[in-house]
Amino acid sequence: ASDIITIASADTYAAALTTQAKVLPNFNQRREFIEAALL
């Protein structure tokens, strides 16, 4: 998802990255996802 992403407001940041940018921005949540997926 290499396009420019416009963030409408501060509160939409995490959701916008996840749905539009294919990015899981929170380090701990990303780590937990990886651990669960590995198991």
PDB file of all heavy atoms in Angstrom:
ATOM      1  N   ALA A   1       0.854  -1.196   0.000  1.00  0.00           N
ATOM      2  CA  ALA A   1       0.000   0.000   0.000  1.00  0.00           C
ATOM      3  C   ALA A   1       0.881   1.233   0.000  1.00  0.00           C
ATOM      4  O   ALA A   1       0.908   2.007   0.951  1.00  0.00           O
ATOM      5  CB  ALA A   1      -0.920  -0.004   1.219  1.00  0.00           C
ATOM      6  N   SER A   2       1.611   1.417  -1.085  1.00  0.00           N
ATOM      7  CA  SER A   2       2.648   2.455  -1.118  1.00  0.00           C
ATOM      8  C   SER A   2       2.119   3.857  -1.412  1.00  0.00           C
ATOM      9  O   SER A   2       2.892   4.802  -1.491  1.00  0.00           O
ATOM     10  CB  SER A   2       3.707   2.091  -2.160  1.00  0.00           C
ATOM     11  OG  SER A   2       3.090   1.911  -3.438  1.00  0.00           O
ATOM     12  N   ASP A   3       0.795   3.999  -1.577  1.00  0.00           N
ATOM     13  CA  ASP A   3       0.242   5.319  -1.870  1.00  0.00           C
ATOM     14  C   ASP A   3       0.305   6.222  -0.647  1.00  0.00           C
ATOM     15  O   ASP A   3       0.471   5.769   0.491  1.00  0.00           O
ATOM     16  CB  ASP A   3      -1.221   5.182  -2.320  1.00  0.00           C
ATOM     17  CG  ASP A   3      -1.341   4.440  -3.645  1.00  0.00           C
ATOM     18  OD1 ASP A   3      -0.341   4.422  -4.380  1.00  0.00           O
ATOM     19  OD2 ASP A   3      -2.421   3.876  -3.904  1.00  0.00           O
ATOM     20  N   ILE A   4       0.143   7.517  -0.896  1.00  0.00           N
ATOM     21  CA  ILE A   4       0.064   8.490   0.193  1.00  0.00           C
ATOM     22  C   ILE A   4      -1.264   8.298   0.923  1.00  0.00           C
ATOM     23  O   ILE A   4      -2.323   8.160   0.309  1.00  0.00           O
ATOM     24  CB  ILE A   4       0.152   9.927  -0.359  1.00  0.00           C
ATOM     25  CG1 ILE A   4       1.479  10.117  -1.108  1.00  0.00           C
ATOM     26  CG2 ILE A   4       0.021  10.944   0.772  1.00  0.00           C
ATOM     27  CD1 ILE A   4       2.700   9.901  -0.256  1.00  0.00           C
ATOM     28  N   ILE A   5      -1.196   8.266   2.234  1.00  0.00           N
ATOM     29  CA  ILE A   5      -2.386   8.099   3.063  1.00  0.00           C
ATOM     30  C   ILE A   5      -2.641   9.409   3.802  1.00  0.00           C
ATOM     31  O   ILE A   5      -1.745   9.937   4.474  1.00  0.00           O
ATOM     32  CB  ILE A   5      -2.213   6.962   4.096  1.00  0.00           C
ATOM     33  CG1 ILE A   5      -1.780   5.669   3.408  1.00  0.00           C
ATOM     34  CG2 ILE A   5      -3.490   6.769   4.899  1.00  0.00           C
ATOM     35  CD1 ILE A   5      -2.802   5.091   2.467  1.00  0.00           C
ATOM     36  N   THR A   6      -3.844   9.940   3.663  1.00  0.00           N
ATOM     37  CA  THR A   6      -4.217  11.158   4.388  1.00  0.00           C
ATOM     38  C   THR A   6      -4.942  10.771   5.672  1.00  0.00           C
ATOM     39  O   THR A   6      -5.923  10.015   5.627  1.00  0.00           O
ATOM     40  CB  THR A   6      -5.119  12.056   3.538  1.00  0.00           C
ATOM     41  OG1 THR A   6      -4.409  12.442   2.354  1.00  0.00           O
ATOM     42  CG2 THR A   6      -5.519  13.307   4.318  1.00  0.00           C
ATOM     43  N   ILE A   7      -4.452  11.278   6.785  1.00  0.00           N
ATOM     44  CA  ILE A   7      -5.055  10.996   8.087  1.00  0.00           C
ATOM     45  C   ILE A   7      -6.039  12.113   8.404  1.00  0.00           C
ATOM     46  O   ILE A   7      -5.647  13.281   8.565  1.00  0.00           O
ATOM     47  CB  ILE A   7      -3.979  10.889   9.188  1.00  0.00           C
ATOM     48  CG1 ILE A   7      -2.913   9.857   8.795  1.00  0.00           C
ATOM     49  CG2 ILE A   7      -4.619  10.529  10.517  1.00  0.00           C
ATOM     50  CD1 ILE A   7      -3.426   8.455   8.587  1.00  0.00           C
ATOM     51  N   ALA A   8      -7.319  11.765   8.474  1.00  0.00           N
ATOM     52  CA  ALA A   8      -8.361  12.785   8.653  1.00  0.00           C
ATOM     53  C   ALA A   8      -8.281  13.456  10.015  1.00  0.00           C
ATOM     54  O   ALA A   8      -8.476  14.666  10.139  1.00  0.00           O
ATOM     55  CB  ALA A   8      -9.744  12.157   8.455  1.00  0.00           C
ATOM     56  N   SER A   9      -8.001  12.687  11.041  1.00  0.00           N
ATOM     57  CA  SER A   9      -7.896  13.242  12.396  1.00  0.00           C
ATOM     58  C   SER A   9      -7.010  12.345  13.229  1.00  0.00           C
ATOM     59  O   SER A   9      -6.737  11.192  12.860  1.00  0.00           O
ATOM     60  CB  SER A   9      -9.282  13.355  13.051  1.00  0.00           C
ATOM     61  OG  SER A   9      -9.794  12.064  13.338  1.00  0.00           O
ATOM     62  N   ALA A  10      -6.592  12.868  14.364  1.00  0.00           N
ATOM     63  CA  ALA A  10      -5.674  12.113  15.227  1.00  0.00           C
ATOM     64  C   ALA A  10      -6.261  10.776  15.643  1.00  0.00           C
ATOM     65  O   ALA A  10      -5.561   9.760  15.699  1.00  0.00           O
ATOM     66  CB  ALA A  10      -5.321  12.944  16.458  1.00  0.00           C
ATOM     67  N   ASP A  11      -7.568  10.743  15.907  1.00  0.00           N
ATOM     68  CA  ASP A  11      -8.193   9.517  16.416  1.00  0.00           C
ATOM     69  C   ASP A  11      -8.381   8.451  15.348  1.00  0.00           C
ATOM     70  O   ASP A  11      -8.674   7.293  15.681  1.00  0.00           O
ATOM     71  CB  ASP A  11      -9.545   9.848  17.054  1.00  0.00           C
ATOM     72  CG  ASP A  11      -9.384  10.550  18.399  1.00  0.00           C
ATOM     73  OD1 ASP A  11      -8.334  10.351  19.040  1.00  0.00           O
ATOM     74  OD2 ASP A  11     -10.303  11.298  18.802  1.00  0.00           O
ATOM     75  N   THR A  12      -8.238   8.801  14.080  1.00  0.00           N
ATOM     76  CA  THR A  12      -8.419   7.802  13.020  1.00  0.00           C
ATOM     77  C   THR A  12      -7.087   7.198  12.568  1.00  0.00           C
ATOM     78  O   THR A  12      -7.061   6.370  11.653  1.00  0.00           O
ATOM     79  CB  THR A  12      -9.123   8.435  11.799  1.00  0.00           C
ATOM     80  OG1 THR A  12      -8.269   9.460  11.242  1.00  0.00           O
ATOM     81  CG2 THR A  12     -10.459   9.038  12.189  1.00  0.00           C
ATOM     82  N   TYR A  13      -5.995   7.591  13.201  1.00  0.00           N
ATOM     83  CA  TYR A  13      -4.650   7.195  12.748  1.00  0.00           C
ATOM     84  C   TYR A  13      -4.473   5.680  12.702  1.00  0.00           C
ATOM     85  O   TYR A  13      -4.167   5.108  11.638  1.00  0.00           O
ATOM     86  CB  TYR A  13      -3.604   7.827  13.659  1.00  0.00           C
ATOM     87  CG  TYR A  13      -2.182   7.395  13.392  1.00  0.00           C
ATOM     88  CD1 TYR A  13      -1.503   7.829  12.262  1.00  0.00           C
ATOM     89  CD2 TYR A  13      -1.514   6.546  14.269  1.00  0.00           C
ATOM     90  CE1 TYR A  13      -0.199   7.450  12.014  1.00  0.00           C
ATOM     91  CE2 TYR A  13      -0.207   6.158  14.037  1.00  0.00           C
ATOM     92  CZ  TYR A  13       0.450   6.608  12.907  1.00  0.00           C
ATOM     93  OH  TYR A  13       1.736   6.215  12.671  1.00  0.00           O
ATOM     94  N   ALA A  14      -4.651   5.007  13.849  1.00  0.00           N
ATOM     95  CA  ALA A  14      -4.389   3.569  13.916  1.00  0.00           C
ATOM     96  C   ALA A  14      -5.293   2.803  12.964  1.00  0.00           C
ATOM     97  O   ALA A  14      -4.847   1.894  12.252  1.00  0.00           O
ATOM     98  CB  ALA A  14      -4.564   3.071  15.347  1.00  0.00           C
ATOM     99  N   ALA A  15      -6.576   3.164  12.916  1.00  0.00           N
ATOM    100  CA  ALA A  15      -7.509   2.463  12.033  1.00  0.00           C
ATOM    101  C   ALA A  15      -7.172   2.695  10.573  1.00  0.00           C
ATOM    102  O   ALA A  15      -7.246   1.774   9.738  1.00  0.00           O
ATOM    103  CB  ALA A  15      -8.937   2.921  12.329  1.00  0.00           C
ATOM    104  N   ALA A  16      -6.783   3.937  10.230  1.00  0.00           N
ATOM    105  CA  ALA A  16      -6.445   4.245   8.839  1.00  0.00           C
ATOM    106  C   ALA A  16      -5.226   3.456   8.381  1.00  0.00           C
ATOM    107  O   ALA A  16      -5.184   2.941   7.258  1.00  0.00           O
ATOM    108  CB  ALA A  16      -6.200   5.745   8.679  1.00  0.00           C
ATOM    109  N   LEU A  17      -4.216   3.347   9.251  1.00  0.00           N
ATOM    110  CA  LEU A  17      -3.023   2.580   8.883  1.00  0.00           C
ATOM    111  C   LEU A  17      -3.364   1.111   8.691  1.00  0.00           C
ATOM    112  O   LEU A  17      -2.861   0.458   7.770  1.00  0.00           O
ATOM    113  CB  LEU A  17      -1.947   2.726   9.965  1.00  0.00           C
ATOM    114  CG  LEU A  17      -1.193   4.065  10.011  1.00  0.00           C
ATOM    115  CD1 LEU A  17      -0.068   4.000  11.032  1.00  0.00           C
ATOM    116  CD2 LEU A  17      -0.627   4.441   8.656  1.00  0.00           C
ATOM    117  N   THR A  18      -4.214   0.579   9.552  1.00  0.00           N
ATOM    118  CA  THR A  18      -4.544  -0.842   9.467  1.00  0.00           C
ATOM    119  C   THR A  18      -5.376  -1.154   8.226  1.00  0.00           C
ATOM    120  O   THR A  18      -5.105  -2.126   7.509  1.00  0.00           O
ATOM    121  CB  THR A  18      -5.313  -1.284  10.728  1.00  0.00           C
ATOM    122  OG1 THR A  18      -4.523  -0.995  11.882  1.00  0.00           O
ATOM    123  CG2 THR A  18      -5.604  -2.771  10.691  1.00  0.00           C
ATOM    124  N   THR A  19      -6.366  -0.340   7.947  1.00  0.00           N
ATOM    125  CA  THR A  19      -7.289  -0.641   6.845  1.00  0.00           C
ATOM    126  C   THR A  19      -6.798  -0.157   5.486  1.00  0.00           C
ATOM    127  O   THR A  19      -7.027  -0.812   4.473  1.00  0.00           O
ATOM    128  CB  THR A  19      -8.672  -0.017   7.132  1.00  0.00           C
ATOM    129  OG1 THR A  19      -8.527   1.403   7.311  1.00  0.00           O
ATOM    130  CG2 THR A  19      -9.282  -0.625   8.378  1.00  0.00           C
ATOM    131  N   GLN A  20      -6.138   0.981   5.451  1.00  0.00           N
ATOM    132  CA  GLN A  20      -5.723   1.554   4.167  1.00  0.00           C
ATOM    133  C   GLN A  20      -4.247   1.333   3.844  1.00  0.00           C
ATOM    134  O   GLN A  20      -3.882   1.150   2.680  1.00  0.00           O
ATOM    135  CB  GLN A  20      -5.979   3.071   4.164  1.00  0.00           C
ATOM    136  CG  GLN A  20      -7.429   3.465   4.361  1.00  0.00           C
ATOM    137  CD  GLN A  20      -7.577   4.985   4.433  1.00  0.00           C
ATOM    138  OE1 GLN A  20      -7.048   5.723   3.597  1.00  0.00           O
ATOM    139  NE2 GLN A  20      -8.292   5.460   5.440  1.00  0.00           N
ATOM    140  N   ALA A  21      -3.405   1.349   4.883  1.00  0.00           N
ATOM    141  CA  ALA A  21      -1.954   1.355   4.645  1.00  0.00           C
ATOM    142  C   ALA A  21      -1.302  -0.008   4.824  1.00  0.00           C
ATOM    143  O   ALA A  21      -0.107  -0.151   4.586  1.00  0.00           O
ATOM    144  CB  ALA A  21      -1.283   2.362   5.582  1.00  0.00           C
ATOM    145  N   LYS A  22      -2.083  -1.044   5.261  1.00  0.00           N
ATOM    146  CA  LYS A  22      -1.522  -2.365   5.526  1.00  0.00           C
ATOM    147  C   LYS A  22      -0.358  -2.279   6.519  1.00  0.00           C
ATOM    148  O   LYS A  22       0.733  -2.814   6.303  1.00  0.00           O
ATOM    149  CB  LYS A  22      -1.038  -3.016   4.222  1.00  0.00           C
ATOM    150  CG  LYS A  22      -2.149  -3.365   3.251  1.00  0.00           C
ATOM    151  CD  LYS A  22      -3.067  -4.452   3.805  1.00  0.00           C
ATOM    152  CE  LYS A  22      -4.131  -4.856   2.796  1.00  0.00           C
ATOM    153  NZ  LYS A  22      -5.060  -5.865   3.355  1.00  0.00           N
ATOM    154  N   VAL A  23      -0.633  -1.566   7.616  1.00  0.00           N
ATOM    155  CA  VAL A  23       0.368  -1.386   8.661  1.00  0.00           C
ATOM    156  C   VAL A  23      -0.289  -1.626  10.018  1.00  0.00           C
ATOM    157  O   VAL A  23      -1.341  -1.053  10.300  1.00  0.00           O
ATOM    158  CB  VAL A  23       0.972   0.041   8.641  1.00  0.00           C
ATOM    159  CG1 VAL A  23       1.874   0.259   9.858  1.00  0.00           C
ATOM    160  CG2 VAL A  23       1.749   0.270   7.355  1.00  0.00           C
ATOM    161  N   LEU A  24       0.318  -2.488  10.828  1.00  0.00           N
ATOM    162  CA  LEU A  24      -0.093  -2.637  12.224  1.00  0.00           C
ATOM    163  C   LEU A  24       0.842  -1.753  13.043  1.00  0.00           C
ATOM    164  O   LEU A  24       1.989  -2.130  13.299  1.00  0.00           O
ATOM    165  CB  LEU A  24       0.030  -4.101  12.681  1.00  0.00           C
ATOM    166  CG  LEU A  24      -0.931  -5.105  12.044  1.00  0.00           C
ATOM    167  CD1 LEU A  24      -0.641  -6.515  12.557  1.00  0.00           C
ATOM    168  CD2 LEU A  24      -2.373  -4.737  12.326  1.00  0.00           C
ATOM    169  N   PRO A  25       0.404  -0.560  13.435  1.00  0.00           N
ATOM    170  CA  PRO A  25       1.344   0.432  13.979  1.00  0.00           C
ATOM    171  C   PRO A  25       1.821   0.166  15.403  1.00  0.00           C
ATOM    172  O   PRO A  25       2.924   0.573  15.760  1.00  0.00           O
ATOM    173  CB  PRO A  25       0.542   1.732  13.916  1.00  0.00           C
ATOM    174  CG  PRO A  25      -0.883   1.303  14.009  1.00  0.00           C
ATOM    175  CD  PRO A  25      -0.963  -0.013  13.303  1.00  0.00           C
ATOM    176  N   ASN A  26       1.005  -0.517  16.218  1.00  0.00           N
ATOM    177  CA  ASN A  26       1.379  -0.719  17.614  1.00  0.00           C
ATOM    178  C   ASN A  26       2.369  -1.871  17.739  1.00  0.00           C
ATOM    179  O   ASN A  26       2.081  -3.007  17.332  1.00  0.00           O
ATOM    180  CB  ASN A  26       0.131  -0.993  18.453  1.00  0.00           C
ATOM    181  CG  ASN A  26       0.447  -1.100  19.937  1.00  0.00           C
ATOM    182  OD1 ASN A  26       0.968  -2.100  20.397  1.00  0.00           O
ATOM    183  ND2 ASN A  26       0.131  -0.048  20.682  1.00  0.00           N
ATOM    184  N   PHE A  27       3.533  -1.602  18.312  1.00  0.00           N
ATOM    185  CA  PHE A  27       4.594  -2.611  18.391  1.00  0.00           C
ATOM    186  C   PHE A  27       4.128  -3.834  19.167  1.00  0.00           C
ATOM    187  O   PHE A  27       4.304  -4.980  18.713  1.00  0.00           O
ATOM    188  CB  PHE A  27       5.833  -2.002  19.059  1.00  0.00           C
ATOM    189  CG  PHE A  27       7.046  -2.903  19.035  1.00  0.00           C
ATOM    190  CD1 PHE A  27       8.005  -2.760  18.058  1.00  0.00           C
ATOM    191  CD2 PHE A  27       7.220  -3.895  19.995  1.00  0.00           C
ATOM    192  CE1 PHE A  27       9.127  -3.591  18.021  1.00  0.00           C
ATOM    193  CE2 PHE A  27       8.321  -4.728  19.968  1.00  0.00           C
ATOM    194  CZ  PHE A  27       9.275  -4.578  18.979  1.00  0.00           C
ATOM    195  N   ASN A  28       3.550  -3.632  20.345  1.00  0.00           N
ATOM    196  CA  ASN A  28       3.151  -4.765  21.186  1.00  0.00           C
ATOM    197  C   ASN A  28       2.048  -5.595  20.541  1.00  0.00           C
ATOM    198  O   ASN A  28       2.063  -6.830  20.612  1.00  0.00           O
ATOM    199  CB  ASN A  28       2.700  -4.271  22.562  1.00  0.00           C
ATOM    200  CG  ASN A  28       3.846  -3.740  23.383  1.00  0.00           C
ATOM    201  OD1 ASN A  28       4.991  -4.150  23.210  1.00  0.00           O
ATOM    202  ND2 ASN A  28       3.567  -2.795  24.265  1.00  0.00           N
ATOM    203  N   GLN A  29       1.082  -4.930  19.911  1.00  0.00           N
ATOM    204  CA  GLN A  29       0.007  -5.668  19.243  1.00  0.00           C
ATOM    205  C   GLN A  29       0.553  -6.460  18.060  1.00  0.00           C
ATOM    206  O   GLN A  29       0.116  -7.593  17.798  1.00  0.00           O
ATOM    207  CB  GLN A  29      -1.080  -4.704  18.796  1.00  0.00           C
ATOM    208  CG  GLN A  29      -1.877  -4.099  19.953  1.00  0.00           C
ATOM    209  CD  GLN A  29      -2.900  -3.084  19.489  1.00  0.00           C
ATOM    210  OE1 GLN A  29      -3.057  -2.837  18.281  1.00  0.00           O
ATOM    211  NE2 GLN A  29      -3.600  -2.471  20.433  1.00  0.00           N
ATOM    212  N   ARG A  30       1.499  -5.873  17.349  1.00  0.00           N
ATOM    213  CA  ARG A  30       2.116  -6.577  16.216  1.00  0.00           C
ATOM    214  C   ARG A  30       2.898  -7.794  16.714  1.00  0.00           C
ATOM    215  O   ARG A  30       2.859  -8.872  16.105  1.00  0.00           O
ATOM    216  CB  ARG A  30       3.039  -5.610  15.459  1.00  0.00           C
ATOM    217  CG  ARG A  30       3.332  -6.005  14.037  1.00  0.00           C
ATOM    218  CD  ARG A  30       3.894  -4.857  13.216  1.00  0.00           C
ATOM    219  NE  ARG A  30       5.181  -4.387  13.670  1.00  0.00           N
ATOM    220  CZ  ARG A  30       5.379  -3.234  14.312  1.00  0.00           C
ATOM    221  NH1 ARG A  30       4.357  -2.451  14.586  1.00  0.00           N
ATOM    222  NH2 ARG A  30       6.593  -2.859  14.689  1.00  0.00           N
ATOM    223  N   ARG A  31       3.573  -7.633  17.830  1.00  0.00           N
ATOM    224  CA  ARG A  31       4.335  -8.742  18.416  1.00  0.00           C
ATOM    225  C   ARG A  31       3.398  -9.863  18.863  1.00  0.00           C
ATOM    226  O   ARG A  31       3.680 -11.046  18.642  1.00  0.00           O
ATOM    227  CB  ARG A  31       5.147  -8.219  19.605  1.00  0.00           C
ATOM    228  CG  ARG A  31       6.154  -9.201  20.188  1.00  0.00           C
ATOM    229  CD  ARG A  31       6.831  -8.557  21.389  1.00  0.00           C
ATOM    230  NE  ARG A  31       7.981  -9.294  21.856  1.00  0.00           N
ATOM    231  CZ  ARG A  31       7.949 -10.320  22.697  1.00  0.00           C
ATOM    232  NH1 ARG A  31       6.768 -10.754  23.144  1.00  0.00           N
ATOM    233  NH2 ARG A  31       9.054 -10.930  23.078  1.00  0.00           N
ATOM    234  N   GLU A  32       2.288  -9.499  19.502  1.00  0.00           N
ATOM    235  CA  GLU A  32       1.316 -10.494  19.947  1.00  0.00           C
ATOM    236  C   GLU A  32       0.701 -11.232  18.760  1.00  0.00           C
ATOM    237  O   GLU A  32       0.472 -12.443  18.815  1.00  0.00           O
ATOM    238  CB  GLU A  32       0.223  -9.820  20.773  1.00  0.00           C
ATOM    239  CG  GLU A  32       0.700  -9.326  22.130  1.00  0.00           C
ATOM    240  CD  GLU A  32      -0.326  -8.441  22.821  1.00  0.00           C
ATOM    241  OE1 GLU A  32      -1.440  -8.281  22.267  1.00  0.00           O
ATOM    242  OE2 GLU A  32      -0.015  -7.908  23.904  1.00  0.00           O
ATOM    243  N   PHE A  33       0.448 -10.493  17.677  1.00  0.00           N
ATOM    244  CA  PHE A  33      -0.097 -11.122  16.464  1.00  0.00           C
ATOM    245  C   PHE A  33       0.891 -12.155  15.923  1.00  0.00           C
ATOM    246  O   PHE A  33       0.509 -13.273  15.556  1.00  0.00           O
ATOM    247  CB  PHE A  33      -0.386 -10.055  15.409  1.00  0.00           C
ATOM    248  CG  PHE A  33      -0.853 -10.614  14.093  1.00  0.00           C
ATOM    249  CD1 PHE A  33      -2.197 -10.836  13.855  1.00  0.00           C
ATOM    250  CD2 PHE A  33       0.062 -10.931  13.090  1.00  0.00           C
ATOM    251  CE1 PHE A  33      -2.628 -11.361  12.639  1.00  0.00           C
ATOM    252  CE2 PHE A  33      -0.353 -11.460  11.880  1.00  0.00           C
ATOM    253  CZ  PHE A  33      -1.706 -11.677  11.648  1.00  0.00           C
ATOM    254  N   ILE A  34       2.166 -11.770  15.854  1.00  0.00           N
ATOM    255  CA  ILE A  34       3.196 -12.675  15.331  1.00  0.00           C
ATOM    256  C   ILE A  34       3.299 -13.919  16.200  1.00  0.00           C
ATOM    257  O   ILE A  34       3.346 -15.055  15.700  1.00  0.00           O
ATOM    258  CB  ILE A  34       4.555 -11.951  15.238  1.00  0.00           C
ATOM    259  CG1 ILE A  34       4.502 -10.872  14.155  1.00  0.00           C
ATOM    260  CG2 ILE A  34       5.684 -12.937  14.958  1.00  0.00           C
ATOM    261  CD1 ILE A  34       5.725  -9.970  14.125  1.00  0.00           C
ATOM    262  N   GLU A  35       3.339 -13.731  17.512  1.00  0.00           N
ATOM    263  CA  GLU A  35       3.472 -14.864  18.429  1.00  0.00           C
ATOM    264  C   GLU A  35       2.299 -15.834  18.272  1.00  0.00           C
ATOM    265  O   GLU A  35       2.492 -17.055  18.201  1.00  0.00           O
ATOM    266  CB  GLU A  35       3.555 -14.360  19.871  1.00  0.00           C
ATOM    267  CG  GLU A  35       3.824 -15.448  20.882  1.00  0.00           C
ATOM    268  CD  GLU A  35       4.059 -14.907  22.282  1.00  0.00           C
ATOM    269  OE1 GLU A  35       4.014 -13.676  22.457  1.00  0.00           O
ATOM    270  OE2 GLU A  35       4.283 -15.719  23.195  1.00  0.00           O
ATOM    271  N   ALA A  36       1.081 -15.297  18.220  1.00  0.00           N
ATOM    272  CA  ALA A  36      -0.096 -16.158  18.074  1.00  0.00           C
ATOM    273  C   ALA A  36      -0.088 -16.878  16.731  1.00  0.00           C
ATOM    274  O   ALA A  36      -0.429 -18.076  16.645  1.00  0.00           O
ATOM    275  CB  ALA A  36      -1.363 -15.313  18.213  1.00  0.00           C
ATOM    276  N   ALA A  37       0.316 -16.171  15.674  1.00  0.00           N
ATOM    277  CA  ALA A  37       0.347 -16.777  14.347  1.00  0.00           C
ATOM    278  C   ALA A  37       1.407 -17.879  14.260  1.00  0.00           C
ATOM    279  O   ALA A  37       1.200 -18.911  13.602  1.00  0.00           O
ATOM    280  CB  ALA A  37       0.617 -15.703  13.289  1.00  0.00           C
ATOM    281  N   LEU A  38       2.545 -17.681  14.927  1.00  0.00           N
ATOM    282  CA  LEU A  38       3.592 -18.703  14.950  1.00  0.00           C
ATOM    283  C   LEU A  38       3.101 -19.967  15.654  1.00  0.00           C
ATOM    284  O   LEU A  38       3.318 -21.087  15.184  1.00  0.00           O
ATOM    285  CB  LEU A  38       4.841 -18.162  15.652  1.00  0.00           C
ATOM    286  CG  LEU A  38       5.681 -17.135  14.882  1.00  0.00           C
ATOM    287  CD1 LEU A  38       6.721 -16.503  15.791  1.00  0.00           C
ATOM    288  CD2 LEU A  38       6.363 -17.783  13.670  1.00  0.00           C
ATOM    289  N   LEU A  39       2.457 -19.777  16.793  1.00  0.00           N
ATOM    290  CA  LEU A  39       1.943 -20.928  17.549  1.00  0.00           C
ATOM    291  C   LEU A  39       0.904 -21.695  16.738  1.00  0.00           C
ATOM    292  O   LEU A  39       0.872 -22.935  16.748  1.00  0.00           O
ATOM    293  CB  LEU A  39       1.344 -20.452  18.871  1.00  0.00           C
ATOM    294  CG  LEU A  39       2.341 -19.910  19.903  1.00  0.00           C
ATOM    295  CD1 LEU A  39       1.611 -19.273  21.076  1.00  0.00           C
ATOM    296  CD2 LEU A  39       3.253 -21.032  20.403  1.00  0.00           C
TER     297      LEU A  39
END
